[in-house]
Protein backbone atom coordinates (compact mmCIF):
# COMPACT_ATOMS: atom_id res chain seq x y z
CA MET A 1 -39.57 81.37 142.12
CA PHE A 2 -38.81 84.92 143.31
CA GLN A 3 -41.40 86.37 140.97
CA ASN A 4 -44.13 84.21 142.47
CA ASP A 5 -42.88 85.00 145.99
CA LEU A 6 -43.24 88.72 145.23
CA TYR A 7 -46.70 88.08 143.84
CA GLY A 8 -47.64 86.23 147.04
CA LEU A 9 -46.31 89.01 149.25
CA LEU A 10 -48.23 91.68 147.39
CA LYS A 11 -51.36 89.54 147.27
CA ARG A 12 -51.26 89.17 151.08
CA ARG A 13 -51.26 92.97 151.15
CA ARG A 14 -54.42 92.85 149.02
CA THR A 15 -52.62 93.98 145.88
CA ASN A 16 -54.22 91.83 143.24
CA PHE A 17 -52.39 91.48 139.97
CA GLN A 18 -54.02 89.89 136.95
CA LYS A 19 -52.23 86.88 135.46
CA ILE A 20 -51.88 87.64 131.74
CA ASP A 21 -50.09 84.56 130.38
CA PRO A 22 -49.20 81.05 131.53
CA SER A 23 -46.00 80.44 133.48
CA ILE A 24 -42.83 79.52 131.63
CA ASN A 25 -39.56 78.04 132.80
CA MET A 26 -36.75 80.51 132.20
CA LEU A 27 -34.09 80.25 134.90
CA GLY A 28 -36.93 79.18 137.16
CA GLU A 29 -40.67 79.63 136.89
CA ARG A 30 -41.77 83.02 135.55
CA THR A 31 -45.35 84.21 135.43
CA PRO A 32 -46.38 87.51 133.83
CA TYR A 33 -48.82 89.61 135.82
CA PHE A 34 -50.38 93.01 135.18
CA ILE A 35 -51.82 95.77 137.33
CA GLU A 36 -52.79 99.33 136.46
CA ARG A 37 -50.37 101.86 137.91
CA ARG A 38 -53.10 103.79 139.74
CA LYS A 39 -54.43 100.60 141.35
CA LEU A 40 -50.94 99.50 142.40
CA LEU A 41 -50.28 102.87 144.02
CA ALA A 42 -53.62 102.83 145.81
CA ASP A 43 -53.22 99.21 146.98
CA THR A 44 -49.70 99.73 148.36
CA ARG A 45 -50.29 103.19 149.75
CA GLY A 46 -49.70 102.60 153.45
CA MET A 47 -46.93 100.05 152.89
CA ALA A 48 -44.85 102.19 150.54
CA ASP A 49 -45.46 105.78 151.67
CA GLN A 50 -42.61 106.03 154.18
CA GLY A 51 -40.01 104.61 151.80
CA THR A 52 -41.24 106.72 148.90
CA ARG A 53 -41.01 109.90 150.97
CA HIS A 54 -37.53 108.95 152.22
CA TYR A 55 -36.05 108.43 148.75
CA LEU A 56 -37.74 111.42 147.14
CA LYS A 57 -36.55 113.69 149.94
CA ALA A 58 -33.02 112.31 149.51
CA PHE A 59 -33.16 113.45 145.87
CA CYS A 60 -33.95 116.98 147.03
CA GLU A 61 -31.10 116.93 149.54
CA ASN A 62 -28.55 115.54 147.05
CA PRO A 63 -29.75 116.11 143.49
CA GLY A 64 -26.32 115.36 141.99
CA LYS A 65 -26.78 111.61 142.48
CA LEU A 66 -30.21 111.70 140.85
CA TRP A 67 -28.97 113.67 137.85
CA ALA A 68 -25.95 111.39 137.44
CA PHE A 69 -28.31 108.40 137.33
CA VAL A 70 -30.70 110.10 134.89
CA ASP A 71 -27.88 111.29 132.61
CA GLY A 72 -26.38 107.81 132.54
CA ASN A 73 -29.64 106.11 131.57
CA PRO A 74 -30.63 106.28 127.89
CA TYR A 75 -34.31 105.77 128.77
CA LEU A 76 -34.56 108.78 131.07
CA ASP A 77 -34.55 112.48 130.34
CA ARG A 78 -34.12 115.35 132.79
CA SER A 79 -37.28 116.95 131.43
CA ASP A 80 -39.27 113.96 132.74
CA ILE A 81 -38.14 114.57 136.32
CA ARG A 82 -39.99 117.20 138.35
CA LEU A 83 -37.39 117.62 141.09
CA GLU A 84 -38.21 121.26 141.79
CA TYR A 85 -41.86 120.31 142.29
CA LEU A 86 -40.90 117.51 144.71
CA CYS A 87 -38.71 119.82 146.74
CA GLU A 88 -41.44 122.48 146.89
CA ILE A 89 -43.88 119.89 148.28
CA PHE A 90 -41.38 118.93 151.02
CA GLU A 91 -40.81 122.61 151.84
CA LYS A 92 -44.54 123.24 152.09
CA TYR A 93 -45.65 120.07 153.93
CA GLY A 94 -42.47 118.78 155.58
CA ASP A 95 -41.58 115.13 156.10
CA ASP A 96 -45.24 114.10 156.20
CA ALA A 97 -45.98 115.29 152.67
CA ASP A 98 -48.72 113.20 151.11
CA VAL A 99 -47.27 110.71 148.64
CA SER A 100 -50.09 111.38 146.16
CA LEU A 101 -48.85 114.98 145.90
CA LEU A 102 -45.24 113.86 145.50
CA ILE A 103 -45.92 111.42 142.69
CA GLY A 104 -48.55 113.60 141.07
CA GLU A 105 -51.38 111.08 141.39
CA ASP A 106 -54.90 111.73 142.57
CA MET A 107 -55.25 108.84 145.01
CA GLY A 108 -58.67 109.95 146.23
C-alpha cells in the first residue's frame, strides 16, 4: 500500500512514473514503476531542492559521518563521491547553491 501511496503523492506533484509490470501481492500490493533519473530530478526540482541542499551541506560540515557510511557500504566507493566539488559549490554560491550544480546535472 505504501508504494502506491508514494506513487500517488508524486503523481499529484506531476511526477509521472511509468508502470512497467502488473501489481503483485508481497506483504501488501507492490507495483513496479520506472522514471528516468533526469526526468525525476526535473519533476521534483522545487519540492526537493531545500532538503537536498541541507543534507549535502551537512556532508561538507561533517564529512566523517559521510565517509563512515560510504566505507561501511559494499556498494559505495569513496572515488564515486565528489565531496570536495560539493563543498566548493557551497563556498562559491552559499546556501542558495543551485541543486543542478550540486548533483552535477544539467537541469536546463
